[in-house]
Amino acid sequence: MRFITFGEIMMRLSTEAASTFKTANQFNINIGGSEMNVAMSLAASGVDVAMMTSLPDNGFGQRTVSLLKSNDIETRHINLTGRRMGTYFLEQGFNVRGSSVIYDRKYSSFEQSTRADYDFDSAFENYDWFHFSGITPALNSGLQDVLMDALEAAKARGMKISADLNFRGNLWSFEEARETMTRFIKYCDVIFGYEPLELIEDGREIKDGLERNPDADTLKPILDRIHKEYGVSHIAFTQRTVIHSNKNVIKAMISTKDRIHETDSYEVEILDRIGTGDAFTAGVIHGLMDNQLGYEDTLHNALGNMLYKHTISGDFLTENISTMSSVLDATKEVKR
């Protein structure tokens, strides 16, 4: 299957682990973004991948296009326009000190792009799978309109559509995200996460009051409702227990209309947490593209890809997803 995605690519400026925003004298540069991170992982695993976005026509934009091309990602649907690239600053956490992010993405080439900048009908020709994240509609109402155009074009072509719900509290409120994402998820076949989206019963949101990591029995009636009301075939997500900033315990689940499949829990030491969810997303998409791969193998490859990304600096991972279940064999398993 051929995969195409749409979203903002950003420049990341990150401190060393021993520094904070207040004390840092220099920052490390990385390029990434939720949709790009998924694209990079899939391309490294042999999937035919294209990226749609807007970048400035300057050295940063050209550097990004070169990076994508060197990793076998089709770039002909990328607009080089505008004057700046979205940026975010990352303070790397350590132990009891959590990581922190400051966004500087207003007026970027992507944030300022409009419907006139994209021809989704043309771009989607010969592609089978379209992916987006909840970050794009969080940027402004104009990009919500652009995303709706993309979804309508993908649906008209009969493409598989997936979305990482990806809530970012620095961009919009949880209530606004729930209301807005509901419009887009109705187009999706596969979603990653179950928040933020609305699931109202008797005038109340039935997901309110859920504990942080509910078990499968607790989740099943809620996920069943999502399958039914939104028409999605698969709901995939991870559950993360934080021991401290550099040690977490993680497990993975995927829900179908019949049952919930889940992995054991695994403990991981963290070098860089950014992009780990995207590595999981890529792993699930890769498995669902392979009609011969069962849910257990899909989850193990996806979780292995995610755990391995915790050990890699930068936003993305470029290992073959097909081999990543082997990571779990070398990871301490925590029985719960």
C-alpha atoms as a PDB file:
ATOM      1  CA  MET A   1       0.000   0.000   0.000  1.00  0.00           C
ATOM      2  CA  ARG A   2       1.083   3.593  -0.648  1.00  0.00           C
ATOM      3  CA  PHE A   3       0.934   6.110   2.191  1.00  0.00           C
ATOM      4  CA  ILE A   4       0.563   9.910   2.182  1.00  0.00           C
ATOM      5  CA  THR A   5       0.364  12.269   5.133  1.00  0.00           C
ATOM      6  CA  PHE A   6      -0.325  15.955   5.766  1.00  0.00           C
ATOM      7  CA  GLY A   7       0.920  18.139   8.613  1.00  0.00           C
ATOM      8  CA  GLU A   8       3.507  20.609   9.827  1.00  0.00           C
ATOM      9  CA  ILE A   9       7.227  19.855   9.881  1.00  0.00           C
ATOM     10  CA  MET A  10       9.058  21.765  12.593  1.00  0.00           C
ATOM     11  CA  MET A  11      12.539  22.634  13.727  1.00  0.00           C
ATOM     12  CA  ARG A  12      13.272  21.504  17.266  1.00  0.00           C
ATOM     13  CA  LEU A  13      15.803  23.305  19.441  1.00  0.00           C
ATOM     14  CA  SER A  14      16.564  21.240  22.540  1.00  0.00           C
ATOM     15  CA  THR A  15      18.695  21.716  25.614  1.00  0.00           C
ATOM     16  CA  GLU A  16      21.197  19.200  26.879  1.00  0.00           C
ATOM     17  CA  ALA A  17      19.809  17.031  29.678  1.00  0.00           C
ATOM     18  CA  ALA A  18      21.922  18.924  32.229  1.00  0.00           C
ATOM     19  CA  SER A  19      20.532  22.330  31.190  1.00  0.00           C
ATOM     20  CA  THR A  20      17.229  24.173  31.535  1.00  0.00           C
ATOM     21  CA  PHE A  21      15.758  26.999  29.453  1.00  0.00           C
ATOM     22  CA  LYS A  22      17.118  29.407  32.052  1.00  0.00           C
ATOM     23  CA  THR A  23      20.673  28.045  31.966  1.00  0.00           C
ATOM     24  CA  ALA A  24      21.209  26.749  28.395  1.00  0.00           C
ATOM     25  CA  ASN A  25      23.889  28.433  26.298  1.00  0.00           C
ATOM     26  CA  GLN A  26      23.268  26.331  23.184  1.00  0.00           C
ATOM     27  CA  PHE A  27      20.578  24.155  21.624  1.00  0.00           C
ATOM     28  CA  ASN A  28      20.686  21.049  19.462  1.00  0.00           C
ATOM     29  CA  ILE A  29      18.762  21.192  16.157  1.00  0.00           C
ATOM     30  CA  ASN A  30      16.446  18.412  14.997  1.00  0.00           C
ATOM     31  CA  ILE A  31      13.762  18.300  12.314  1.00  0.00           C
ATOM     32  CA  GLY A  32      10.481  16.496  12.906  1.00  0.00           C
ATOM     33  CA  GLY A  33       6.757  16.601  13.498  1.00  0.00           C
ATOM     34  CA  SER A  34       4.107  14.002  14.219  1.00  0.00           C
ATOM     35  CA  GLU A  35       3.163  13.222  10.623  1.00  0.00           C
ATOM     36  CA  MET A  36       6.733  13.381   9.353  1.00  0.00           C
ATOM     37  CA  ASN A  37       7.909  11.045  12.119  1.00  0.00           C
ATOM     38  CA  VAL A  38       5.349   8.445  11.049  1.00  0.00           C
ATOM     39  CA  ALA A  39       6.340   8.899   7.407  1.00  0.00           C
ATOM     40  CA  MET A  40      10.057   8.439   8.174  1.00  0.00           C
ATOM     41  CA  SER A  41       9.455   5.210  10.089  1.00  0.00           C
ATOM     42  CA  LEU A  42       7.235   3.742   7.374  1.00  0.00           C
ATOM     43  CA  ALA A  43       9.640   4.731   4.593  1.00  0.00           C
ATOM     44  CA  ALA A  44      12.490   3.029   6.463  1.00  0.00           C
ATOM     45  CA  SER A  45      10.333  -0.109   6.509  1.00  0.00           C
ATOM     46  CA  GLY A  46       9.837  -0.228   2.743  1.00  0.00           C
ATOM     47  CA  VAL A  47       6.487   1.569   2.424  1.00  0.00           C
ATOM     48  CA  ASP A  48       5.993   3.970  -0.510  1.00  0.00           C
ATOM     49  CA  VAL A  49       5.522   7.291   1.336  1.00  0.00           C
ATOM     50  CA  ALA A  50       4.722  10.904   0.391  1.00  0.00           C
ATOM     51  CA  MET A  51       4.496  14.038   2.525  1.00  0.00           C
ATOM     52  CA  MET A  52       2.280  17.102   2.024  1.00  0.00           C
ATOM     53  CA  THR A  53       3.117  20.328   3.844  1.00  0.00           C
ATOM     54  CA  SER A  54       4.324  23.901   3.388  1.00  0.00           C
ATOM     55  CA  LEU A  55       7.866  25.032   4.183  1.00  0.00           C
ATOM     56  CA  PRO A  56       9.727  28.315   3.733  1.00  0.00           C
ATOM     57  CA  ASP A  57      11.787  28.720   0.577  1.00  0.00           C
ATOM     58  CA  ASN A  58      15.032  29.206   2.469  1.00  0.00           C
ATOM     59  CA  GLY A  59      17.880  27.117   3.848  1.00  0.00           C
ATOM     60  CA  PHE A  60      15.752  25.513   6.561  1.00  0.00           C
ATOM     61  CA  GLY A  61      13.010  24.486   4.138  1.00  0.00           C
ATOM     62  CA  GLN A  62      15.526  23.200   1.610  1.00  0.00           C
ATOM     63  CA  ARG A  63      17.360  21.274   4.326  1.00  0.00           C
ATOM     64  CA  THR A  64      14.091  19.610   5.323  1.00  0.00           C
ATOM     65  CA  VAL A  65      13.200  18.621   1.764  1.00  0.00           C
ATOM     66  CA  SER A  66      16.691  17.139   1.337  1.00  0.00           C
ATOM     67  CA  LEU A  67      16.267  15.166   4.560  1.00  0.00           C
ATOM     68  CA  LEU A  68      12.970  13.712   3.342  1.00  0.00           C
ATOM     69  CA  LYS A  69      14.354  12.845  -0.076  1.00  0.00           C
ATOM     70  CA  SER A  70      17.370  11.127   1.449  1.00  0.00           C
ATOM     71  CA  ASN A  71      14.974   8.931   3.401  1.00  0.00           C
ATOM     72  CA  ASP A  72      12.942   7.934   0.322  1.00  0.00           C
ATOM     73  CA  ILE A  73       9.945  10.190   0.954  1.00  0.00           C
ATOM     74  CA  GLU A  74       8.201  11.769  -2.044  1.00  0.00           C
ATOM     75  CA  THR A  75       8.366  15.575  -1.738  1.00  0.00           C
ATOM     76  CA  ARG A  76       6.700  16.864  -4.899  1.00  0.00           C
ATOM     77  CA  HIS A  77       3.545  17.800  -2.954  1.00  0.00           C
ATOM     78  CA  ILE A  78       5.464  20.119  -0.610  1.00  0.00           C
ATOM     79  CA  ASN A  79       5.008  23.868  -1.116  1.00  0.00           C
ATOM     80  CA  LEU A  80       8.061  26.057  -0.676  1.00  0.00           C
ATOM     81  CA  THR A  81       6.431  29.335   0.286  1.00  0.00           C
ATOM     82  CA  GLY A  82       6.315  31.813   3.129  1.00  0.00           C
ATOM     83  CA  ARG A  83       9.109  33.090   5.319  1.00  0.00           C
ATOM     84  CA  ARG A  84       9.518  30.910   8.370  1.00  0.00           C
ATOM     85  CA  MET A  85       9.530  27.375   9.668  1.00  0.00           C
ATOM     86  CA  GLY A  86       7.559  26.436  12.759  1.00  0.00           C
ATOM     87  CA  THR A  87       9.849  25.991  15.744  1.00  0.00           C
ATOM     88  CA  TYR A  88       9.601  24.507  19.195  1.00  0.00           C
ATOM     89  CA  PHE A  89      12.000  24.534  22.101  1.00  0.00           C
ATOM     90  CA  LEU A  90      12.453  21.418  24.231  1.00  0.00           C
ATOM     91  CA  GLU A  91      13.879  21.392  27.730  1.00  0.00           C
ATOM     92  CA  GLN A  92      15.040  17.812  28.211  1.00  0.00           C
ATOM     93  CA  GLY A  93      13.861  16.470  31.556  1.00  0.00           C
ATOM     94  CA  PHE A  94      15.873  14.282  33.858  1.00  0.00           C
ATOM     95  CA  ASN A  95      14.693  12.125  36.763  1.00  0.00           C
ATOM     96  CA  VAL A  96      12.364  14.263  38.934  1.00  0.00           C
ATOM     97  CA  ARG A  97      12.529  17.208  36.465  1.00  0.00           C
ATOM     98  CA  GLY A  98      10.014  16.733  33.648  1.00  0.00           C
ATOM     99  CA  SER A  99      10.516  17.836  30.054  1.00  0.00           C
ATOM    100  CA  SER A 100       8.951  21.102  28.892  1.00  0.00           C
ATOM    101  CA  VAL A 101       8.033  22.536  25.473  1.00  0.00           C
ATOM    102  CA  ILE A 102       7.653  26.110  24.223  1.00  0.00           C
ATOM    103  CA  TYR A 103       6.071  26.560  20.765  1.00  0.00           C
ATOM    104  CA  ASP A 104       7.007  29.289  18.285  1.00  0.00           C
ATOM    105  CA  ARG A 105       4.929  28.295  15.271  1.00  0.00           C
ATOM    106  CA  LYS A 106       2.604  31.258  14.694  1.00  0.00           C
ATOM    107  CA  TYR A 107       2.920  32.717  11.151  1.00  0.00           C
ATOM    108  CA  SER A 108       4.922  29.739   9.902  1.00  0.00           C
ATOM    109  CA  SER A 109       4.597  28.694   6.263  1.00  0.00           C
ATOM    110  CA  PHE A 110       2.311  25.829   7.235  1.00  0.00           C
ATOM    111  CA  GLU A 111       0.242  27.743   9.788  1.00  0.00           C
ATOM    112  CA  GLN A 112      -0.436  30.440   7.194  1.00  0.00           C
ATOM    113  CA  SER A 113      -1.232  28.052   4.338  1.00  0.00           C
ATOM    114  CA  THR A 114      -4.752  27.904   2.893  1.00  0.00           C
ATOM    115  CA  ARG A 115      -6.969  25.737   0.694  1.00  0.00           C
ATOM    116  CA  ALA A 116      -5.443  27.333  -2.400  1.00  0.00           C
ATOM    117  CA  ASP A 117      -2.044  25.827  -1.530  1.00  0.00           C
ATOM    118  CA  TYR A 118      -3.119  22.176  -1.813  1.00  0.00           C
ATOM    119  CA  ASP A 119      -4.598  19.983  -4.537  1.00  0.00           C
ATOM    120  CA  PHE A 120      -5.598  16.859  -2.634  1.00  0.00           C
ATOM    121  CA  ASP A 121      -7.411  15.258  -5.574  1.00  0.00           C
ATOM    122  CA  SER A 122      -4.202  15.272  -7.575  1.00  0.00           C
ATOM    123  CA  ALA A 123      -1.905  14.410  -4.685  1.00  0.00           C
ATOM    124  CA  PHE A 124      -3.984  11.411  -3.569  1.00  0.00           C
ATOM    125  CA  GLU A 125      -3.952   9.797  -6.996  1.00  0.00           C
ATOM    126  CA  ASN A 126      -2.423   6.310  -6.696  1.00  0.00           C
ATOM    127  CA  TYR A 127      -2.224   6.485  -2.865  1.00  0.00           C
ATOM    128  CA  ASP A 128      -4.095   4.089  -0.600  1.00  0.00           C
ATOM    129  CA  TRP A 129      -3.708   5.463   2.945  1.00  0.00           C
ATOM    130  CA  PHE A 130      -4.048   9.029   4.280  1.00  0.00           C
ATOM    131  CA  HIS A 131      -2.863   9.990   7.776  1.00  0.00           C
ATOM    132  CA  PHE A 132      -3.184  13.166   9.847  1.00  0.00           C
ATOM    133  CA  SER A 133      -2.985  14.218  13.484  1.00  0.00           C
ATOM    134  CA  GLY A 134      -4.963  16.381  15.886  1.00  0.00           C
ATOM    135  CA  ILE A 135      -2.148  18.925  15.871  1.00  0.00           C
ATOM    136  CA  THR A 136      -3.135  20.351  12.479  1.00  0.00           C
ATOM    137  CA  PRO A 137      -6.724  21.388  13.364  1.00  0.00           C
ATOM    138  CA  ALA A 138      -5.417  22.827  16.641  1.00  0.00           C
ATOM    139  CA  LEU A 139      -3.432  25.499  14.780  1.00  0.00           C
ATOM    140  CA  ASN A 140      -6.314  27.578  13.349  1.00  0.00           C
ATOM    141  CA  SER A 141      -9.773  27.363  11.797  1.00  0.00           C
ATOM    142  CA  GLY A 142      -8.402  27.831   8.287  1.00  0.00           C
ATOM    143  CA  LEU A 143      -6.363  24.635   8.580  1.00  0.00           C
ATOM    144  CA  GLN A 144      -9.466  22.872   9.860  1.00  0.00           C
ATOM    145  CA  ASP A 145     -11.073  23.742   6.515  1.00  0.00           C
ATOM    146  CA  VAL A 146      -7.991  22.516   4.647  1.00  0.00           C
ATOM    147  CA  LEU A 147      -8.020  19.239   6.576  1.00  0.00           C
ATOM    148  CA  MET A 148     -11.715  18.744   5.832  1.00  0.00           C
ATOM    149  CA  ASP A 149     -10.947  19.133   2.119  1.00  0.00           C
ATOM    150  CA  ALA A 150      -8.268  16.453   2.473  1.00  0.00           C
ATOM    151  CA  LEU A 151     -10.604  14.052   4.254  1.00  0.00           C
ATOM    152  CA  GLU A 152     -13.388  14.504   1.719  1.00  0.00           C
ATOM    153  CA  ALA A 153     -10.951  13.888  -1.139  1.00  0.00           C
ATOM    154  CA  ALA A 154      -9.515  10.792   0.567  1.00  0.00           C
ATOM    155  CA  LYS A 155     -12.959   9.406   1.348  1.00  0.00           C
ATOM    156  CA  ALA A 156     -14.123   9.958  -2.229  1.00  0.00           C
ATOM    157  CA  ARG A 157     -11.177   7.867  -3.448  1.00  0.00           C
ATOM    158  CA  GLY A 158     -11.904   5.071  -0.976  1.00  0.00           C
ATOM    159  CA  MET A 159      -8.588   5.528   0.840  1.00  0.00           C
ATOM    160  CA  LYS A 160      -7.886   4.187   4.314  1.00  0.00           C
ATOM    161  CA  ILE A 161      -7.809   7.124   6.722  1.00  0.00           C
ATOM    162  CA  SER A 162      -6.040   7.218  10.074  1.00  0.00           C
ATOM    163  CA  ALA A 163      -5.656   9.887  12.740  1.00  0.00           C
ATOM    164  CA  ASP A 164      -3.517  10.298  15.813  1.00  0.00           C
ATOM    165  CA  LEU A 165      -5.735  12.331  18.152  1.00  0.00           C
ATOM    166  CA  ASN A 166      -2.595  13.973  19.607  1.00  0.00           C
ATOM    167  CA  PHE A 167      -3.956  16.551  22.068  1.00  0.00           C
ATOM    168  CA  ARG A 168      -1.592  19.474  22.749  1.00  0.00           C
ATOM    169  CA  GLY A 169      -2.691  21.615  25.678  1.00  0.00           C
ATOM    170  CA  ASN A 170      -0.369  24.427  24.593  1.00  0.00           C
ATOM    171  CA  LEU A 171      -2.406  24.818  21.388  1.00  0.00           C
ATOM    172  CA  TRP A 172      -6.074  24.598  22.457  1.00  0.00           C
ATOM    173  CA  SER A 173      -8.388  23.613  25.269  1.00  0.00           C
ATOM    174  CA  PHE A 174      -9.485  20.023  25.852  1.00  0.00           C
ATOM    175  CA  GLU A 175     -13.139  21.005  25.413  1.00  0.00           C
ATOM    176  CA  GLU A 176     -12.458  22.705  22.066  1.00  0.00           C
ATOM    177  CA  ALA A 177     -10.400  19.722  20.931  1.00  0.00           C
ATOM    178  CA  ARG A 178     -13.177  17.272  21.792  1.00  0.00           C
ATOM    179  CA  GLU A 179     -15.785  19.254  19.903  1.00  0.00           C
ATOM    180  CA  THR A 180     -13.582  19.822  16.862  1.00  0.00           C
ATOM    181  CA  MET A 181     -11.948  16.397  16.506  1.00  0.00           C
ATOM    182  CA  THR A 182     -15.368  14.750  16.518  1.00  0.00           C
ATOM    183  CA  ARG A 183     -16.022  16.216  13.042  1.00  0.00           C
ATOM    184  CA  PHE A 184     -12.869  14.658  11.599  1.00  0.00           C
ATOM    185  CA  ILE A 185     -12.891  11.255  13.285  1.00  0.00           C
ATOM    186  CA  LYS A 186     -16.159  10.395  11.484  1.00  0.00           C
ATOM    187  CA  TYR A 187     -14.047  10.035   8.325  1.00  0.00           C
ATOM    188  CA  CYS A 188     -11.519   7.664   9.903  1.00  0.00           C
ATOM    189  CA  ASP A 189     -10.965   3.930   9.728  1.00  0.00           C
ATOM    190  CA  VAL A 190      -8.149   3.824  12.298  1.00  0.00           C
ATOM    191  CA  ILE A 191      -7.575   6.141  15.258  1.00  0.00           C
ATOM    192  CA  PHE A 192      -4.792   6.352  17.785  1.00  0.00           C
ATOM    193  CA  GLY A 193      -6.120   7.146  21.245  1.00  0.00           C
ATOM    194  CA  TYR A 194      -9.693   7.709  22.370  1.00  0.00           C
ATOM    195  CA  GLU A 195      -9.335  11.284  23.599  1.00  0.00           C
ATOM    196  CA  PRO A 196     -10.177  13.965  22.710  1.00  0.00           C
ATOM    197  CA  LEU A 197     -13.465  13.066  21.056  1.00  0.00           C
ATOM    198  CA  GLU A 198     -17.051  13.300  22.249  1.00  0.00           C
ATOM    199  CA  LEU A 199     -19.037  10.324  23.516  1.00  0.00           C
ATOM    200  CA  ILE A 200     -22.196  11.773  25.051  1.00  0.00           C
ATOM    201  CA  GLU A 201     -24.861   9.767  26.860  1.00  0.00           C
ATOM    202  CA  ASP A 202     -27.773  11.329  28.761  1.00  0.00           C
ATOM    203  CA  GLY A 203     -26.136  14.726  28.415  1.00  0.00           C
ATOM    204  CA  ARG A 204     -22.778  13.737  29.911  1.00  0.00           C
ATOM    205  CA  GLU A 205     -19.420  12.670  28.549  1.00  0.00           C
ATOM    206  CA  ILE A 206     -19.066   8.992  29.478  1.00  0.00           C
ATOM    207  CA  LYS A 207     -15.255   9.070  29.378  1.00  0.00           C
ATOM    208  CA  ASP A 208     -15.071  11.679  32.122  1.00  0.00           C
ATOM    209  CA  GLY A 209     -13.858  10.156  35.372  1.00  0.00           C
ATOM    210  CA  LEU A 210     -11.838   7.351  33.764  1.00  0.00           C
ATOM    211  CA  GLU A 211      -8.620   6.593  35.624  1.00  0.00           C
ATOM    212  CA  ARG A 212      -5.377   7.249  33.774  1.00  0.00           C
ATOM    213  CA  ASN A 213      -4.765   3.658  32.625  1.00  0.00           C
ATOM    214  CA  PRO A 214      -8.058   1.749  32.757  1.00  0.00           C
ATOM    215  CA  ASP A 215      -7.991  -1.991  32.141  1.00  0.00           C
ATOM    216  CA  ALA A 216      -9.446  -3.648  29.050  1.00  0.00           C
ATOM    217  CA  ASP A 217     -12.669  -4.684  30.799  1.00  0.00           C
ATOM    218  CA  THR A 218     -13.347  -1.084  31.826  1.00  0.00           C
ATOM    219  CA  LEU A 219     -12.520   0.250  28.370  1.00  0.00           C
ATOM    220  CA  LYS A 220     -14.425  -2.267  26.278  1.00  0.00           C
ATOM    221  CA  PRO A 221     -17.936  -0.734  26.506  1.00  0.00           C
ATOM    222  CA  ILE A 222     -16.480   2.707  25.800  1.00  0.00           C
ATOM    223  CA  LEU A 223     -14.446   1.529  22.830  1.00  0.00           C
ATOM    224  CA  ASP A 224     -17.432  -0.441  21.533  1.00  0.00           C
ATOM    225  CA  ARG A 225     -19.409   2.812  21.521  1.00  0.00           C
ATOM    226  CA  ILE A 226     -16.664   4.574  19.587  1.00  0.00           C
ATOM    227  CA  HIS A 227     -16.557   1.786  16.999  1.00  0.00           C
ATOM    228  CA  LYS A 228     -20.316   2.027  16.570  1.00  0.00           C
ATOM    229  CA  GLU A 229     -20.837   5.805  16.640  1.00  0.00           C
ATOM    230  CA  TYR A 230     -17.766   6.785  14.605  1.00  0.00           C
ATOM    231  CA  GLY A 231     -17.491   3.742  12.346  1.00  0.00           C
ATOM    232  CA  VAL A 232     -13.788   3.210  13.029  1.00  0.00           C
ATOM    233  CA  SER A 233     -12.442  -0.302  12.552  1.00  0.00           C
ATOM    234  CA  HIS A 234      -9.405  -0.033  14.848  1.00  0.00           C
ATOM    235  CA  ILE A 235      -8.544   1.985  17.960  1.00  0.00           C
ATOM    236  CA  ALA A 236      -4.891   1.671  18.999  1.00  0.00           C
ATOM    237  CA  PHE A 237      -3.170   3.246  21.987  1.00  0.00           C
ATOM    238  CA  THR A 238      -0.545   2.780  24.666  1.00  0.00           C
ATOM    239  CA  GLN A 239      -0.699   3.100  28.429  1.00  0.00           C
ATOM    240  CA  ARG A 240       2.262   4.742  30.128  1.00  0.00           C
ATOM    241  CA  THR A 241       3.084   4.602  33.829  1.00  0.00           C
ATOM    242  CA  VAL A 242       5.687   7.208  34.772  1.00  0.00           C
ATOM    243  CA  ILE A 243       8.211   6.104  37.386  1.00  0.00           C
ATOM    244  CA  HIS A 244      10.245   9.268  36.731  1.00  0.00           C
ATOM    245  CA  SER A 245      11.252  11.312  33.672  1.00  0.00           C
ATOM    246  CA  ASN A 246      13.751   8.715  32.486  1.00  0.00           C
ATOM    247  CA  LYS A 247      11.948   5.487  33.373  1.00  0.00           C
ATOM    248  CA  ASN A 248       8.445   4.494  32.278  1.00  0.00           C
ATOM    249  CA  VAL A 249       6.400   1.297  32.055  1.00  0.00           C
ATOM    250  CA  ILE A 250       4.428   0.906  28.807  1.00  0.00           C
ATOM    251  CA  LYS A 251       1.917  -1.497  27.306  1.00  0.00           C
ATOM    252  CA  ALA A 252      -0.059  -1.409  24.050  1.00  0.00           C
ATOM    253  CA  MET A 253      -3.640  -2.186  23.064  1.00  0.00           C
ATOM    254  CA  ILE A 254      -5.638  -2.336  19.862  1.00  0.00           C
ATOM    255  CA  SER A 255      -9.413  -2.590  19.803  1.00  0.00           C
ATOM    256  CA  THR A 256     -11.455  -4.041  16.952  1.00  0.00           C
ATOM    257  CA  LYS A 257     -15.210  -4.389  16.758  1.00  0.00           C
ATOM    258  CA  ASP A 258     -14.831  -7.903  18.220  1.00  0.00           C
ATOM    259  CA  ARG A 259     -12.246  -7.655  21.012  1.00  0.00           C
ATOM    260  CA  ILE A 260      -9.328  -5.837  22.612  1.00  0.00           C
ATOM    261  CA  HIS A 261      -5.826  -7.189  22.029  1.00  0.00           C
ATOM    262  CA  GLU A 262      -3.085  -6.141  24.470  1.00  0.00           C
ATOM    263  CA  THR A 263       0.578  -6.706  25.243  1.00  0.00           C
ATOM    264  CA  ASP A 264       2.373  -7.267  28.513  1.00  0.00           C
ATOM    265  CA  SER A 265       3.929  -4.235  30.205  1.00  0.00           C
ATOM    266  CA  TYR A 266       7.558  -3.307  29.559  1.00  0.00           C
ATOM    267  CA  GLU A 267       9.940  -1.040  31.438  1.00  0.00           C
ATOM    268  CA  VAL A 268      12.054   1.376  29.392  1.00  0.00           C
ATOM    269  CA  GLU A 269      14.872   3.793  30.169  1.00  0.00           C
ATOM    270  CA  ILE A 270      14.390   7.071  28.283  1.00  0.00           C
ATOM    271  CA  LEU A 271      16.974   9.037  26.348  1.00  0.00           C
ATOM    272  CA  ASP A 272      14.436  11.024  24.267  1.00  0.00           C
ATOM    273  CA  ARG A 273      10.664  10.648  24.610  1.00  0.00           C
ATOM    274  CA  ILE A 274       9.715  12.906  21.658  1.00  0.00           C
ATOM    275  CA  GLY A 275       8.318  10.947  18.721  1.00  0.00           C
ATOM    276  CA  THR A 276       7.796   7.706  20.635  1.00  0.00           C
ATOM    277  CA  GLY A 277       4.038   7.765  20.087  1.00  0.00           C
ATOM    278  CA  ASP A 278       4.646   8.353  16.388  1.00  0.00           C
ATOM    279  CA  ALA A 279       6.883   5.279  16.299  1.00  0.00           C
ATOM    280  CA  PHE A 280       4.001   3.255  17.755  1.00  0.00           C
ATOM    281  CA  THR A 281       1.566   4.753  15.244  1.00  0.00           C
ATOM    282  CA  ALA A 282       3.857   3.837  12.353  1.00  0.00           C
ATOM    283  CA  GLY A 283       4.186   0.319  13.716  1.00  0.00           C
ATOM    284  CA  VAL A 284       0.432  -0.235  13.871  1.00  0.00           C
ATOM    285  CA  ILE A 285      -0.134   1.219  10.386  1.00  0.00           C
ATOM    286  CA  HIS A 286       2.656  -0.964   9.016  1.00  0.00           C
ATOM    287  CA  GLY A 287       1.050  -4.052  10.554  1.00  0.00           C
ATOM    288  CA  LEU A 288      -2.437  -3.215   9.308  1.00  0.00           C
ATOM    289  CA  MET A 289      -1.047  -2.706   5.802  1.00  0.00           C
ATOM    290  CA  ASP A 290       0.286  -6.279   5.941  1.00  0.00           C
ATOM    291  CA  ASN A 291      -2.791  -8.457   5.607  1.00  0.00           C
ATOM    292  CA  GLN A 292      -0.751 -11.506   6.675  1.00  0.00           C
ATOM    293  CA  LEU A 293       0.254 -10.063  10.055  1.00  0.00           C
ATOM    294  CA  GLY A 294      -1.978 -10.751  13.052  1.00  0.00           C
ATOM    295  CA  TYR A 295      -2.806  -8.293  15.808  1.00  0.00           C
ATOM    296  CA  GLU A 296      -0.366  -9.821  18.299  1.00  0.00           C
ATOM    297  CA  ASP A 297       2.586  -9.477  15.912  1.00  0.00           C
ATOM    298  CA  THR A 298       1.423  -6.002  14.864  1.00  0.00           C
ATOM    299  CA  LEU A 299       1.292  -4.812  18.478  1.00  0.00           C
ATOM    300  CA  HIS A 300       4.652  -6.366  19.342  1.00  0.00           C
ATOM    301  CA  ASN A 301       6.369  -4.732  16.368  1.00  0.00           C
ATOM    302  CA  ALA A 302       4.684  -1.398  17.107  1.00  0.00           C
ATOM    303  CA  LEU A 303       5.544  -1.445  20.811  1.00  0.00           C
ATOM    304  CA  GLY A 304       9.091  -2.563  20.053  1.00  0.00           C
ATOM    305  CA  ASN A 305       9.421   0.322  17.599  1.00  0.00           C
ATOM    306  CA  MET A 306       8.153   2.698  20.278  1.00  0.00           C
ATOM    307  CA  LEU A 307      10.438   1.405  23.028  1.00  0.00           C
ATOM    308  CA  TYR A 308      13.456   1.545  20.724  1.00  0.00           C
ATOM    309  CA  LYS A 309      12.667   5.168  19.833  1.00  0.00           C
ATOM    310  CA  HIS A 310      13.035   6.066  23.528  1.00  0.00           C
ATOM    311  CA  THR A 311      16.748   5.263  23.115  1.00  0.00           C
ATOM    312  CA  ILE A 312      17.280   7.475  20.019  1.00  0.00           C
ATOM    313  CA  SER A 313      17.834  11.245  20.081  1.00  0.00           C
ATOM    314  CA  GLY A 314      15.719  13.304  17.703  1.00  0.00           C
ATOM    315  CA  ASP A 315      12.101  13.170  16.613  1.00  0.00           C
ATOM    316  CA  PHE A 316      12.008  10.080  14.397  1.00  0.00           C
ATOM    317  CA  LEU A 317      13.232   6.504  14.046  1.00  0.00           C
ATOM    318  CA  THR A 318      14.482   4.851  10.861  1.00  0.00           C
ATOM    319  CA  GLU A 319      14.600   1.145  11.694  1.00  0.00           C
ATOM    320  CA  ASN A 320      12.714  -1.631   9.899  1.00  0.00           C
ATOM    321  CA  ILE A 321       9.457  -2.079  11.815  1.00  0.00           C
ATOM    322  CA  SER A 322       9.240  -5.742  10.760  1.00  0.00           C
ATOM    323  CA  THR A 323      12.132  -6.638  13.064  1.00  0.00           C
ATOM    324  CA  MET A 324      11.208  -4.522  16.091  1.00  0.00           C
ATOM    325  CA  SER A 325       9.376  -7.166  18.139  1.00  0.00           C
ATOM    326  CA  SER A 326      12.866  -8.461  18.988  1.00  0.00           C
ATOM    327  CA  VAL A 327      13.332  -5.343  21.132  1.00  0.00           C
ATOM    328  CA  LEU A 328      10.791  -6.744  23.596  1.00  0.00           C
ATOM    329  CA  ASP A 329      12.935  -9.845  24.148  1.00  0.00           C
ATOM    330  CA  ALA A 330      15.712  -7.636  25.492  1.00  0.00           C
ATOM    331  CA  THR A 331      13.419  -5.423  27.569  1.00  0.00           C
ATOM    332  CA  LYS A 332      12.650  -6.166  31.194  1.00  0.00           C
ATOM    333  CA  GLU A 333       9.056  -7.246  31.410  1.00  0.00           C
ATOM    334  CA  VAL A 334       6.952  -6.041  34.294  1.00  0.00           C
ATOM    335  CA  LYS A 335       4.069  -8.351  35.188  1.00  0.00           C
ATOM    336  CA  ARG A 336       0.941  -6.518  36.376  1.00  0.00           C
END
